[in-house]
């Protein structure tokens, strides 16, 4: 405990003496974790979008304008399977009315087209966990007379989830690359502190001081730089997120049927701070091991 207290006090004093170079290493760590945090915010909200899409209407069956009553009956019979939990018929007039409510700015453009160009449709909700049966249903309905097109939302959902994995992988790769650069920057800053105190370190080694008292302050200095850099990154992320949320992010969420846009959960925030401290600790350990 005494060694930890000594290391902390010496690290704080060293950080204050070399505050300009220390600010550089903290900024490097903050940049690395800011990039990683931004990718995590994007991927977590895309995952939420996937969850909300999966619970909404899964399939839309668009009808041709000349569909007959017999063809509609055949389509409704096909949509009465076990995997269908509910369906809603939307006439051409209903589709036009909903378009005018949803896209008020674009509704005036439909007036010059004459007849209503929007098709009648069935909005179908499907039971989850029956992918094979659903694929069979979609393929069968698509071949029925009177069906113009079938939109299957789970196909888009699988593409969305694949995109989430790609985005998360890119963010992780960039975060690791920048974290390595941050660790090297911390190591160089700590080496400067070691060089400034080389006479003191030589005396401590001559009198047989334990390594924890020699290396400890420099490892602690790197850890503090990492923790402070991670904190700066989280504050910058929060400021940027909440500054953009009301004006840009919430309208974007509404346009893609996402109920809300959320910040990082507190568990991830804690892990980002721990990760920043680990990067700084690694840089301090490398510098101390090479010079003492």
C-alpha atoms as a PDB file:
ATOM      1  CA  UNK A   1       0.000   0.000   0.000  1.00  0.00           C
ATOM      2  CA  UNK A   2       2.860   2.373   0.831  1.00  0.00           C
ATOM      3  CA  UNK A   3       4.540   1.578  -2.506  1.00  0.00           C
ATOM      4  CA  UNK A   4       1.276   2.276  -4.359  1.00  0.00           C
ATOM      5  CA  UNK A   5       0.877   5.607  -2.567  1.00  0.00           C
ATOM      6  CA  UNK A   6       4.480   6.531  -3.373  1.00  0.00           C
ATOM      7  CA  UNK A   7       4.032   5.559  -7.044  1.00  0.00           C
ATOM      8  CA  UNK A   8       0.847   7.613  -7.321  1.00  0.00           C
ATOM      9  CA  UNK A   9       2.324  10.741  -5.720  1.00  0.00           C
ATOM     10  CA  UNK A  10       5.448  10.566  -7.868  1.00  0.00           C
ATOM     11  CA  UNK A  11       3.394   9.941 -11.018  1.00  0.00           C
ATOM     12  CA  UNK A  12       1.184  12.976 -10.364  1.00  0.00           C
ATOM     13  CA  UNK A  13       4.243  15.156  -9.758  1.00  0.00           C
ATOM     14  CA  UNK A  14       5.889  13.850 -12.955  1.00  0.00           C
ATOM     15  CA  UNK A  15       2.744  14.452 -14.977  1.00  0.00           C
ATOM     16  CA  UNK A  16       2.628  18.043 -13.782  1.00  0.00           C
ATOM     17  CA  UNK A  17       6.292  18.615 -14.607  1.00  0.00           C
ATOM     18  CA  UNK A  18       5.902  17.174 -18.092  1.00  0.00           C
ATOM     19  CA  UNK A  19       2.337  18.305 -18.682  1.00  0.00           C
ATOM     20  CA  UNK A  20       2.936  19.405 -22.262  1.00  0.00           C
ATOM     21  CA  UNK A  21       4.320  16.073 -23.453  1.00  0.00           C
ATOM     22  CA  UNK A  22       1.806  14.253 -21.234  1.00  0.00           C
ATOM     23  CA  UNK A  23      -1.036  16.116 -22.931  1.00  0.00           C
ATOM     24  CA  UNK A  24       0.169  14.741 -26.280  1.00  0.00           C
ATOM     25  CA  UNK A  25       0.021  11.134 -25.117  1.00  0.00           C
ATOM     26  CA  UNK A  26      -3.375  11.654 -23.472  1.00  0.00           C
ATOM     27  CA  UNK A  27      -4.697  13.212 -26.691  1.00  0.00           C
ATOM     28  CA  UNK A  28      -3.441  10.215 -28.671  1.00  0.00           C
ATOM     29  CA  UNK A  29      -5.236   7.792 -26.339  1.00  0.00           C
ATOM     30  CA  UNK A  30      -8.357   9.968 -26.410  1.00  0.00           C
ATOM     31  CA  UNK A  31      -8.356   9.917 -30.231  1.00  0.00           C
ATOM     32  CA  UNK A  32      -8.030   6.119 -30.332  1.00  0.00           C
ATOM     33  CA  UNK A  33     -10.886   5.571 -27.888  1.00  0.00           C
ATOM     34  CA  UNK A  34     -13.035   8.302 -29.475  1.00  0.00           C
ATOM     35  CA  UNK A  35     -12.884   6.464 -32.812  1.00  0.00           C
ATOM     36  CA  UNK A  36     -13.599   3.117 -31.172  1.00  0.00           C
ATOM     37  CA  UNK A  37     -16.452   4.594 -29.111  1.00  0.00           C
ATOM     38  CA  UNK A  38     -18.024   6.212 -32.182  1.00  0.00           C
ATOM     39  CA  UNK A  39     -18.063   2.863 -33.996  1.00  0.00           C
ATOM     40  CA  UNK A  40     -19.553   1.205 -30.911  1.00  0.00           C
ATOM     41  CA  UNK A  41     -22.350   3.798 -30.760  1.00  0.00           C
ATOM     42  CA  UNK A  42     -23.170   3.204 -34.426  1.00  0.00           C
ATOM     43  CA  UNK A  43     -23.112  -0.589 -34.125  1.00  0.00           C
ATOM     44  CA  UNK A  44     -25.166  -0.672 -30.887  1.00  0.00           C
ATOM     45  CA  UNK A  45     -27.897   1.509 -32.417  1.00  0.00           C
ATOM     46  CA  UNK A  46     -27.927  -0.585 -35.574  1.00  0.00           C
ATOM     47  CA  UNK A  47     -28.397  -3.680 -33.403  1.00  0.00           C
ATOM     48  CA  UNK A  48     -31.332  -1.957 -31.693  1.00  0.00           C
ATOM     49  CA  UNK A  49     -32.749  -1.137 -35.121  1.00  0.00           C
ATOM     50  CA  UNK A  50     -32.468  -4.794 -36.102  1.00  0.00           C
ATOM     51  CA  UNK A  51     -34.330  -5.845 -32.972  1.00  0.00           C
ATOM     52  CA  UNK A  52     -37.152  -3.374 -33.605  1.00  0.00           C
ATOM     53  CA  UNK A  53     -37.424  -4.324 -37.264  1.00  0.00           C
ATOM     54  CA  UNK A  54     -37.642  -7.995 -36.348  1.00  0.00           C
ATOM     55  CA  UNK A  55     -40.703  -7.308 -34.175  1.00  0.00           C
ATOM     56  CA  UNK A  56     -42.508  -5.177 -36.796  1.00  0.00           C
ATOM     57  CA  UNK A  57     -44.394  -6.249 -39.922  1.00  0.00           C
ATOM     58  CA  UNK A  58     -42.142  -8.779 -41.612  1.00  0.00           C
ATOM     59  CA  UNK A  59     -43.577  -9.067 -45.094  1.00  0.00           C
ATOM     60  CA  UNK A  60     -45.461  -6.810 -47.490  1.00  0.00           C
ATOM     61  CA  UNK A  61     -47.347  -8.352 -50.412  1.00  0.00           C
ATOM     62  CA  UNK A  62     -48.045  -5.804 -53.159  1.00  0.00           C
ATOM     63  CA  UNK A  63     -50.976  -6.527 -55.487  1.00  0.00           C
ATOM     64  CA  UNK A  64     -51.385  -5.743 -59.165  1.00  0.00           C
ATOM     65  CA  UNK A  65     -53.961  -3.118 -60.112  1.00  0.00           C
ATOM     66  CA  UNK A  66     -56.081  -5.684 -61.914  1.00  0.00           C
ATOM     67  CA  UNK A  67     -56.203  -8.268 -59.143  1.00  0.00           C
ATOM     68  CA  UNK A  68     -59.498 -10.166 -59.056  1.00  0.00           C
ATOM     69  CA  UNK A  69     -61.553 -11.262 -56.056  1.00  0.00           C
ATOM     70  CA  UNK A  70     -60.619 -14.885 -56.699  1.00  0.00           C
ATOM     71  CA  UNK A  71     -56.905 -14.024 -56.794  1.00  0.00           C
ATOM     72  CA  UNK A  72     -57.228 -12.078 -53.535  1.00  0.00           C
ATOM     73  CA  UNK A  73     -58.943 -15.060 -51.937  1.00  0.00           C
ATOM     74  CA  UNK A  74     -56.092 -17.339 -53.052  1.00  0.00           C
ATOM     75  CA  UNK A  75     -53.535 -14.904 -51.634  1.00  0.00           C
ATOM     76  CA  UNK A  76     -55.392 -14.671 -48.318  1.00  0.00           C
ATOM     77  CA  UNK A  77     -55.575 -18.466 -48.102  1.00  0.00           C
ATOM     78  CA  UNK A  78     -51.816 -18.661 -48.673  1.00  0.00           C
ATOM     79  CA  UNK A  79     -51.314 -16.135 -45.865  1.00  0.00           C
ATOM     80  CA  UNK A  80     -53.322 -18.215 -43.389  1.00  0.00           C
ATOM     81  CA  UNK A  81     -50.449 -20.563 -42.505  1.00  0.00           C
ATOM     82  CA  UNK A  82     -49.030 -21.295 -39.078  1.00  0.00           C
ATOM     83  CA  UNK A  83     -46.111 -18.892 -39.495  1.00  0.00           C
ATOM     84  CA  UNK A  84     -48.460 -15.925 -40.033  1.00  0.00           C
ATOM     85  CA  UNK A  85     -49.481 -14.202 -36.786  1.00  0.00           C
ATOM     86  CA  UNK A  86     -51.545 -11.458 -38.417  1.00  0.00           C
ATOM     87  CA  UNK A  87     -52.203  -9.542 -41.606  1.00  0.00           C
ATOM     88  CA  UNK A  88     -53.670  -6.167 -42.572  1.00  0.00           C
ATOM     89  CA  UNK A  89     -55.138  -5.263 -45.960  1.00  0.00           C
ATOM     90  CA  UNK A  90     -54.225  -1.822 -47.263  1.00  0.00           C
ATOM     91  CA  UNK A  91     -56.236  -0.584 -50.256  1.00  0.00           C
ATOM     92  CA  UNK A  92     -54.881   1.804 -52.876  1.00  0.00           C
ATOM     93  CA  UNK A  93     -56.778   4.672 -51.226  1.00  0.00           C
ATOM     94  CA  UNK A  94     -55.435   3.713 -47.793  1.00  0.00           C
ATOM     95  CA  UNK A  95     -51.898   3.544 -49.180  1.00  0.00           C
ATOM     96  CA  UNK A  96     -52.241   7.014 -50.701  1.00  0.00           C
ATOM     97  CA  UNK A  97     -53.669   8.437 -47.480  1.00  0.00           C
ATOM     98  CA  UNK A  98     -50.816   6.973 -45.425  1.00  0.00           C
ATOM     99  CA  UNK A  99     -48.247   8.298 -47.904  1.00  0.00           C
ATOM    100  CA  UNK A 100     -49.698  11.794 -47.577  1.00  0.00           C
ATOM    101  CA  UNK A 101     -49.536  11.609 -43.779  1.00  0.00           C
ATOM    102  CA  UNK A 102     -46.002  10.221 -43.699  1.00  0.00           C
ATOM    103  CA  UNK A 103     -44.462  12.278 -46.512  1.00  0.00           C
ATOM    104  CA  UNK A 104     -46.414  15.512 -46.482  1.00  0.00           C
ATOM    105  CA  UNK A 105     -43.712  17.359 -48.429  1.00  0.00           C
ATOM    106  CA  UNK A 106     -43.811  14.848 -51.283  1.00  0.00           C
ATOM    107  CA  UNK A 107     -47.562  14.300 -51.438  1.00  0.00           C
ATOM    108  CA  UNK A 108     -48.137  17.244 -53.789  1.00  0.00           C
ATOM    109  CA  UNK A 109     -46.007  15.524 -56.429  1.00  0.00           C
ATOM    110  CA  UNK A 110     -48.563  12.705 -56.707  1.00  0.00           C
ATOM    111  CA  UNK A 111     -51.332  15.081 -57.779  1.00  0.00           C
ATOM    112  CA  UNK A 112     -49.791  15.552 -61.223  1.00  0.00           C
ATOM    113  CA  UNK A 113     -49.698  11.810 -61.893  1.00  0.00           C
ATOM    114  CA  UNK A 114     -53.442  11.500 -62.299  1.00  0.00           C
ATOM    115  CA  UNK A 115     -54.463   8.051 -61.090  1.00  0.00           C
ATOM    116  CA  UNK A 116     -53.260   6.756 -57.743  1.00  0.00           C
ATOM    117  CA  UNK A 117     -49.893   5.044 -58.506  1.00  0.00           C
ATOM    118  CA  UNK A 118     -49.645   3.227 -55.163  1.00  0.00           C
ATOM    119  CA  UNK A 119     -50.612  -0.467 -55.091  1.00  0.00           C
ATOM    120  CA  UNK A 120     -52.897  -2.239 -52.668  1.00  0.00           C
ATOM    121  CA  UNK A 121     -51.039  -4.549 -50.313  1.00  0.00           C
ATOM    122  CA  UNK A 122     -51.117  -6.940 -47.384  1.00  0.00           C
ATOM    123  CA  UNK A 123     -48.884  -6.212 -44.402  1.00  0.00           C
ATOM    124  CA  UNK A 124     -48.081  -9.568 -42.823  1.00  0.00           C
ATOM    125  CA  UNK A 125     -46.581 -10.287 -39.413  1.00  0.00           C
ATOM    126  CA  UNK A 126     -44.615 -13.517 -39.173  1.00  0.00           C
ATOM    127  CA  UNK A 127     -43.696 -15.786 -36.309  1.00  0.00           C
ATOM    128  CA  UNK A 128     -39.996 -15.669 -35.439  1.00  0.00           C
ATOM    129  CA  UNK A 129     -37.840 -18.776 -35.388  1.00  0.00           C
ATOM    130  CA  UNK A 130     -39.401 -20.464 -38.439  1.00  0.00           C
ATOM    131  CA  UNK A 131     -37.038 -19.311 -41.157  1.00  0.00           C
ATOM    132  CA  UNK A 132     -37.436 -22.344 -43.427  1.00  0.00           C
ATOM    133  CA  UNK A 133     -41.237 -22.181 -43.369  1.00  0.00           C
ATOM    134  CA  UNK A 134     -41.160 -18.416 -43.905  1.00  0.00           C
ATOM    135  CA  UNK A 135     -38.836 -18.744 -46.903  1.00  0.00           C
ATOM    136  CA  UNK A 136     -41.223 -21.332 -48.380  1.00  0.00           C
ATOM    137  CA  UNK A 137     -44.193 -19.017 -47.768  1.00  0.00           C
ATOM    138  CA  UNK A 138     -42.467 -16.041 -49.383  1.00  0.00           C
ATOM    139  CA  UNK A 139     -41.505 -18.061 -52.441  1.00  0.00           C
ATOM    140  CA  UNK A 140     -45.025 -19.464 -52.806  1.00  0.00           C
ATOM    141  CA  UNK A 141     -46.792 -16.113 -52.433  1.00  0.00           C
ATOM    142  CA  UNK A 142     -44.442 -14.473 -54.909  1.00  0.00           C
ATOM    143  CA  UNK A 143     -45.614 -16.915 -57.620  1.00  0.00           C
ATOM    144  CA  UNK A 144     -49.353 -16.346 -57.091  1.00  0.00           C
ATOM    145  CA  UNK A 145     -51.411 -14.519 -59.751  1.00  0.00           C
ATOM    146  CA  UNK A 146     -52.271 -10.986 -58.713  1.00  0.00           C
ATOM    147  CA  UNK A 147     -49.037 -10.492 -56.733  1.00  0.00           C
ATOM    148  CA  UNK A 148     -46.823  -7.720 -58.105  1.00  0.00           C
ATOM    149  CA  UNK A 149     -44.025  -7.951 -55.560  1.00  0.00           C
ATOM    150  CA  UNK A 150     -43.154  -9.293 -52.113  1.00  0.00           C
ATOM    151  CA  UNK A 151     -40.914  -7.444 -49.692  1.00  0.00           C
ATOM    152  CA  UNK A 152     -39.457  -9.656 -46.999  1.00  0.00           C
ATOM    153  CA  UNK A 153     -38.009  -7.553 -44.166  1.00  0.00           C
ATOM    154  CA  UNK A 154     -35.915 -10.351 -42.667  1.00  0.00           C
ATOM    155  CA  UNK A 155     -33.758 -10.361 -45.784  1.00  0.00           C
ATOM    156  CA  UNK A 156     -32.913  -6.734 -45.069  1.00  0.00           C
ATOM    157  CA  UNK A 157     -32.454  -7.589 -41.399  1.00  0.00           C
ATOM    158  CA  UNK A 158     -29.812 -10.212 -42.186  1.00  0.00           C
ATOM    159  CA  UNK A 159     -27.992  -7.677 -44.359  1.00  0.00           C
ATOM    160  CA  UNK A 160     -28.224  -5.122 -41.573  1.00  0.00           C
ATOM    161  CA  UNK A 161     -26.745  -7.533 -39.028  1.00  0.00           C
ATOM    162  CA  UNK A 162     -23.948  -8.380 -41.447  1.00  0.00           C
ATOM    163  CA  UNK A 163     -23.257  -4.644 -41.841  1.00  0.00           C
ATOM    164  CA  UNK A 164     -23.151  -4.277 -38.053  1.00  0.00           C
ATOM    165  CA  UNK A 165     -20.447  -6.943 -37.883  1.00  0.00           C
ATOM    166  CA  UNK A 166     -18.409  -5.216 -40.592  1.00  0.00           C
ATOM    167  CA  UNK A 167     -18.719  -1.803 -38.910  1.00  0.00           C
ATOM    168  CA  UNK A 168     -17.739  -3.243 -35.545  1.00  0.00           C
ATOM    169  CA  UNK A 169     -14.750  -5.024 -37.091  1.00  0.00           C
ATOM    170  CA  UNK A 170     -13.553  -1.835 -38.805  1.00  0.00           C
ATOM    171  CA  UNK A 171     -13.918   0.130 -35.573  1.00  0.00           C
ATOM    172  CA  UNK A 172     -12.052  -2.514 -33.592  1.00  0.00           C
ATOM    173  CA  UNK A 173      -9.220  -2.626 -36.146  1.00  0.00           C
ATOM    174  CA  UNK A 174      -8.855   1.168 -36.159  1.00  0.00           C
ATOM    175  CA  UNK A 175      -9.082   1.257 -32.371  1.00  0.00           C
ATOM    176  CA  UNK A 176      -6.336  -1.357 -31.987  1.00  0.00           C
ATOM    177  CA  UNK A 177      -4.117   0.432 -34.510  1.00  0.00           C
ATOM    178  CA  UNK A 178      -4.537   3.784 -32.775  1.00  0.00           C
ATOM    179  CA  UNK A 179      -4.121   2.156 -29.351  1.00  0.00           C
ATOM    180  CA  UNK A 180      -0.738   0.749 -30.405  1.00  0.00           C
ATOM    181  CA  UNK A 181       0.292   4.224 -31.518  1.00  0.00           C
ATOM    182  CA  UNK A 182      -0.965   5.639 -28.214  1.00  0.00           C
ATOM    183  CA  UNK A 183       1.005   3.066 -26.214  1.00  0.00           C
ATOM    184  CA  UNK A 184       4.181   3.987 -28.106  1.00  0.00           C
ATOM    185  CA  UNK A 185       3.516   7.676 -27.473  1.00  0.00           C
ATOM    186  CA  UNK A 186       3.058   7.006 -23.740  1.00  0.00           C
ATOM    187  CA  UNK A 187       6.262   4.975 -23.698  1.00  0.00           C
ATOM    188  CA  UNK A 188       8.222   7.849 -25.241  1.00  0.00           C
ATOM    189  CA  UNK A 189       6.740  10.385 -22.809  1.00  0.00           C
ATOM    190  CA  UNK A 190       7.601   8.150 -19.849  1.00  0.00           C
ATOM    191  CA  UNK A 191      11.143   7.722 -21.212  1.00  0.00           C
ATOM    192  CA  UNK A 192      11.515  11.504 -21.078  1.00  0.00           C
ATOM    193  CA  UNK A 193      10.558  11.429 -17.392  1.00  0.00           C
ATOM    194  CA  UNK A 194      13.019   8.581 -16.833  1.00  0.00           C
ATOM    195  CA  UNK A 195      15.779  10.537 -18.521  1.00  0.00           C
ATOM    196  CA  UNK A 196      15.051  13.602 -16.398  1.00  0.00           C
ATOM    197  CA  UNK A 197      15.386  11.511 -13.213  1.00  0.00           C
ATOM    198  CA  UNK A 198      18.246   9.235 -14.309  1.00  0.00           C
ATOM    199  CA  UNK A 199      20.570  10.397 -11.491  1.00  0.00           C
ATOM    200  CA  UNK A 200      17.925   9.735  -8.849  1.00  0.00           C
ATOM    201  CA  UNK A 201      17.223   6.288 -10.337  1.00  0.00           C
ATOM    202  CA  UNK A 202      20.931   5.403 -10.361  1.00  0.00           C
ATOM    203  CA  UNK A 203      21.211   6.289  -6.654  1.00  0.00           C
ATOM    204  CA  UNK A 204      18.110   4.234  -5.795  1.00  0.00           C
ATOM    205  CA  UNK A 205      19.570   1.233  -7.640  1.00  0.00           C
ATOM    206  CA  UNK A 206      22.924   1.618  -5.850  1.00  0.00           C
ATOM    207  CA  UNK A 207      21.298   1.591  -2.420  1.00  0.00           C
ATOM    208  CA  UNK A 208      19.213  -1.469  -3.344  1.00  0.00           C
ATOM    209  CA  UNK A 209      15.768   0.102  -3.539  1.00  0.00           C
ATOM    210  CA  UNK A 210      13.027  -2.398  -4.559  1.00  0.00           C
ATOM    211  CA  UNK A 211      12.016  -2.348  -8.226  1.00  0.00           C
ATOM    212  CA  UNK A 212       8.461  -1.446  -7.269  1.00  0.00           C
ATOM    213  CA  UNK A 213       9.748   1.917  -5.992  1.00  0.00           C
ATOM    214  CA  UNK A 214      11.891   2.455  -9.092  1.00  0.00           C
ATOM    215  CA  UNK A 215       9.550   1.346 -11.863  1.00  0.00           C
ATOM    216  CA  UNK A 216       6.241   1.855 -10.070  1.00  0.00           C
ATOM    217  CA  UNK A 217       5.978   5.648 -10.514  1.00  0.00           C
ATOM    218  CA  UNK A 218       6.568   5.403 -14.259  1.00  0.00           C
ATOM    219  CA  UNK A 219       4.064   2.582 -14.757  1.00  0.00           C
ATOM    220  CA  UNK A 220       1.576   4.556 -12.670  1.00  0.00           C
ATOM    221  CA  UNK A 221       2.258   7.642 -14.787  1.00  0.00           C
ATOM    222  CA  UNK A 222       1.385   5.735 -17.961  1.00  0.00           C
ATOM    223  CA  UNK A 223      -1.757   4.320 -16.330  1.00  0.00           C
ATOM    224  CA  UNK A 224      -2.912   7.779 -15.271  1.00  0.00           C
ATOM    225  CA  UNK A 225      -2.288   9.139 -18.753  1.00  0.00           C
ATOM    226  CA  UNK A 226      -4.410   6.337 -20.201  1.00  0.00           C
ATOM    227  CA  UNK A 227      -7.237   6.858 -17.724  1.00  0.00           C
ATOM    228  CA  UNK A 228      -7.291  10.612 -18.275  1.00  0.00           C
ATOM    229  CA  UNK A 229      -7.183  10.140 -22.058  1.00  0.00           C
ATOM    230  CA  UNK A 230     -10.107   7.686 -21.910  1.00  0.00           C
ATOM    231  CA  UNK A 231     -12.100  10.112 -19.770  1.00  0.00           C
ATOM    232  CA  UNK A 232     -11.476  12.905 -22.273  1.00  0.00           C
ATOM    233  CA  UNK A 233     -12.621  10.597 -25.095  1.00  0.00           C
ATOM    234  CA  UNK A 234     -15.873   9.741 -23.297  1.00  0.00           C
ATOM    235  CA  UNK A 235     -16.604  13.391 -22.513  1.00  0.00           C
ATOM    236  CA  UNK A 236     -15.947  14.370 -26.145  1.00  0.00           C
ATOM    237  CA  UNK A 237     -18.163  11.508 -27.359  1.00  0.00           C
ATOM    238  CA  UNK A 238     -20.988  12.547 -25.029  1.00  0.00           C
ATOM    239  CA  UNK A 239     -20.757  16.225 -26.052  1.00  0.00           C
ATOM    240  CA  UNK A 240     -20.749  15.355 -29.769  1.00  0.00           C
ATOM    241  CA  UNK A 241     -23.556  12.812 -29.397  1.00  0.00           C
ATOM    242  CA  UNK A 242     -25.970  14.978 -27.443  1.00  0.00           C
ATOM    243  CA  UNK A 243     -25.175  18.031 -29.582  1.00  0.00           C
ATOM    244  CA  UNK A 244     -26.125  16.110 -32.741  1.00  0.00           C
ATOM    245  CA  UNK A 245     -28.921  13.992 -31.291  1.00  0.00           C
ATOM    246  CA  UNK A 246     -31.873  16.379 -31.326  1.00  0.00           C
ATOM    247  CA  UNK A 247     -31.120  18.056 -34.640  1.00  0.00           C
ATOM    248  CA  UNK A 248     -29.787  15.218 -36.785  1.00  0.00           C
ATOM    249  CA  UNK A 249     -29.864  11.792 -35.110  1.00  0.00           C
ATOM    250  CA  UNK A 250     -33.488  11.697 -33.935  1.00  0.00           C
ATOM    251  CA  UNK A 251     -34.924  12.741 -37.345  1.00  0.00           C
ATOM    252  CA  UNK A 252     -32.694  10.116 -38.957  1.00  0.00           C
ATOM    253  CA  UNK A 253     -33.948   7.501 -36.472  1.00  0.00           C
ATOM    254  CA  UNK A 254     -37.559   8.414 -37.206  1.00  0.00           C
ATOM    255  CA  UNK A 255     -36.989   8.029 -40.942  1.00  0.00           C
ATOM    256  CA  UNK A 256     -35.795   4.420 -40.491  1.00  0.00           C
ATOM    257  CA  UNK A 257     -38.400   3.506 -37.816  1.00  0.00           C
ATOM    258  CA  UNK A 258     -35.949   3.471 -34.911  1.00  0.00           C
ATOM    259  CA  UNK A 259     -37.636   4.505 -31.665  1.00  0.00           C
ATOM    260  CA  UNK A 260     -34.598   6.245 -30.162  1.00  0.00           C
ATOM    261  CA  UNK A 261     -30.863   6.750 -30.528  1.00  0.00           C
ATOM    262  CA  UNK A 262     -28.896   5.797 -27.442  1.00  0.00           C
ATOM    263  CA  UNK A 263     -25.445   6.541 -26.085  1.00  0.00           C
ATOM    264  CA  UNK A 264     -23.031   3.846 -24.973  1.00  0.00           C
ATOM    265  CA  UNK A 265     -24.254   1.762 -22.004  1.00  0.00           C
ATOM    266  CA  UNK A 266     -22.398   2.430 -18.773  1.00  0.00           C
ATOM    267  CA  UNK A 267     -20.705  -0.977 -18.900  1.00  0.00           C
ATOM    268  CA  UNK A 268     -19.011  -0.078 -22.187  1.00  0.00           C
ATOM    269  CA  UNK A 269     -18.012   3.315 -20.787  1.00  0.00           C
ATOM    270  CA  UNK A 270     -16.298   1.575 -17.869  1.00  0.00           C
ATOM    271  CA  UNK A 271     -14.548  -0.830 -20.238  1.00  0.00           C
ATOM    272  CA  UNK A 272     -13.302   2.057 -22.387  1.00  0.00           C
ATOM    273  CA  UNK A 273     -11.754   3.709 -19.329  1.00  0.00           C
ATOM    274  CA  UNK A 274     -10.215   0.405 -18.248  1.00  0.00           C
ATOM    275  CA  UNK A 275      -8.913  -0.100 -21.784  1.00  0.00           C
ATOM    276  CA  UNK A 276      -7.333   3.355 -21.812  1.00  0.00           C
ATOM    277  CA  UNK A 277      -5.638   2.656 -18.482  1.00  0.00           C
ATOM    278  CA  UNK A 278      -4.388  -0.679 -19.822  1.00  0.00           C
ATOM    279  CA  UNK A 279      -2.896   0.996 -22.911  1.00  0.00           C
ATOM    280  CA  UNK A 280      -1.182   3.610 -20.736  1.00  0.00           C
ATOM    281  CA  UNK A 281       0.037   0.960 -18.307  1.00  0.00           C
ATOM    282  CA  UNK A 282       1.520  -1.023 -21.197  1.00  0.00           C
ATOM    283  CA  UNK A 283       3.358   2.051 -22.483  1.00  0.00           C
ATOM    284  CA  UNK A 284       4.712   2.836 -19.008  1.00  0.00           C
ATOM    285  CA  UNK A 285       5.751  -0.781 -18.465  1.00  0.00           C
ATOM    286  CA  UNK A 286       7.623  -0.899 -21.792  1.00  0.00           C
ATOM    287  CA  UNK A 287       9.451   2.345 -21.026  1.00  0.00           C
ATOM    288  CA  UNK A 288      10.317   1.362 -17.442  1.00  0.00           C
ATOM    289  CA  UNK A 289      11.496  -2.102 -18.401  1.00  0.00           C
ATOM    290  CA  UNK A 290      13.797  -0.720 -21.055  1.00  0.00           C
ATOM    291  CA  UNK A 291      15.468   1.890 -18.883  1.00  0.00           C
ATOM    292  CA  UNK A 292      15.629   0.524 -15.352  1.00  0.00           C
END
